[in-house]
Amino acid sequence: MKVEVLGDEKTVVAFASAGVGGKIVNSKEEVLKVVKDSKDVGVFLVVDKYFPPNYEEDFPILVRIPGREQ
């Protein structure tokens, strides 16, 4: 099982420097598409700004993380 971060470029790069892979996303819909298409990821760390409000699936797990305020 893998862990990945989904968010803006700065957040993804910051997590990558700590060894956590990720993908840059620009919308909540894009997050849902990535989650649906990624079968080998068990936990997604999702920046608050892009966290889908009605996600009710048991797997994979989505964890809301604070984003970088601009």
Protein backbone atom coordinates (compact mmCIF):
# COMPACT_ATOMS: atom_id res chain seq x y z
CA MET A 1 0.00 0.00 0.00
CA LYS A 2 1.28 3.42 -0.91
CA VAL A 3 0.67 6.91 0.43
CA GLU A 4 0.42 9.89 -1.92
CA VAL A 5 -0.30 13.57 -1.53
CA LEU A 6 -2.70 15.47 -3.81
CA GLY A 7 -2.49 19.23 -3.89
CA ASP A 8 -0.77 22.31 -5.22
CA GLU A 9 2.76 22.23 -6.62
CA LYS A 10 4.49 23.56 -3.49
CA THR A 11 2.82 21.00 -1.24
CA VAL A 12 3.59 18.09 -3.56
CA VAL A 13 7.25 19.16 -3.85
CA ALA A 14 7.53 19.55 -0.06
CA PHE A 15 6.21 16.03 0.54
CA ALA A 16 8.42 14.66 -2.25
CA SER A 17 11.47 15.97 -0.40
CA ALA A 18 10.38 13.78 2.52
CA GLY A 19 9.95 10.74 0.27
CA VAL A 20 6.17 10.87 -0.23
CA GLY A 21 5.01 10.77 -3.84
CA GLY A 22 2.14 12.81 -5.13
CA LYS A 23 0.29 14.48 -7.94
CA ILE A 24 -0.51 18.12 -8.61
CA VAL A 25 -4.26 18.72 -8.87
CA ASN A 26 -6.32 21.81 -9.61
CA SER A 27 -9.86 20.83 -8.60
CA LYS A 28 -11.93 18.55 -6.42
CA GLU A 29 -13.11 16.71 -9.54
CA GLU A 30 -9.51 16.02 -10.51
CA VAL A 31 -8.89 14.55 -7.04
CA LEU A 32 -11.80 12.13 -7.51
CA LYS A 33 -10.47 11.09 -10.93
CA VAL A 34 -6.97 10.44 -9.57
CA VAL A 35 -8.36 8.47 -6.62
CA LYS A 36 -10.56 6.37 -8.91
CA ASP A 37 -7.69 5.64 -11.33
CA SER A 38 -5.06 4.78 -8.67
CA LYS A 39 -5.49 1.17 -7.59
CA ASP A 40 -2.19 0.77 -5.71
CA VAL A 41 -2.58 3.71 -3.30
CA GLY A 42 -4.17 3.08 0.09
CA VAL A 43 -4.03 6.58 1.61
CA PHE A 44 -4.23 9.96 -0.09
CA LEU A 45 -3.26 13.11 1.79
CA VAL A 46 -5.44 15.78 0.17
CA VAL A 47 -4.94 19.52 0.59
CA ASP A 48 -8.01 21.04 2.25
CA LYS A 49 -8.77 23.27 -0.74
CA TYR A 50 -9.23 20.21 -3.00
CA PHE A 51 -10.81 17.77 -0.54
CA PRO A 52 -14.03 16.39 -2.07
CA PRO A 53 -16.92 17.23 0.30
CA ASN A 54 -19.04 14.12 -0.25
CA TYR A 55 -16.42 11.38 -0.39
CA GLU A 56 -17.88 8.41 1.48
CA GLU A 57 -15.82 5.45 0.25
CA ASP A 58 -14.03 3.21 2.73
CA PHE A 59 -11.04 2.65 0.46
CA PRO A 60 -8.78 4.34 -0.41
CA ILE A 61 -8.65 6.55 2.64
CA LEU A 62 -8.58 10.31 2.10
CA VAL A 63 -7.00 12.44 4.81
CA ARG A 64 -7.52 16.21 4.79
CA ILE A 65 -4.33 18.22 5.34
CA PRO A 66 -3.98 22.00 5.68
CA GLY A 67 -2.91 23.83 2.56
CA ARG A 68 -0.55 26.71 2.03
CA GLU A 69 -2.40 30.01 2.28
CA GLN A 70 -1.48 32.48 -0.42
